[in-house]
């Protein structure tokens, strides 16, 4: 179960996302693809890690998972991020609805 911007790791029971994050937007929303990543606009500034915290909150709300199950594995200080979300293959169906 793979797409250009996400893949499901059955051994670890998680979904790994590649995101292009745009902080400082009017509202938090997905905005289609940006190369091989899903572009996500975040309504928080990049300062003081607020954009990352808002990104985690946005993903948790949209996917119906706990914030504690979401981790930014790479790119915490940049726009290109690799995010890991704990959960089963049902997350793949939910991802299809947000992307």
Foldseek 3Di string as FASTA:
>chain_A
DDDLAWDADQVQQKIKGKEQEAECDPDWAWDQDDVSHTYTYHNHDPPPLPRVVRVLVVVCVQQVHDSVQKDFPDDSNHRITIMMGHHHPVSVVSVVVRD
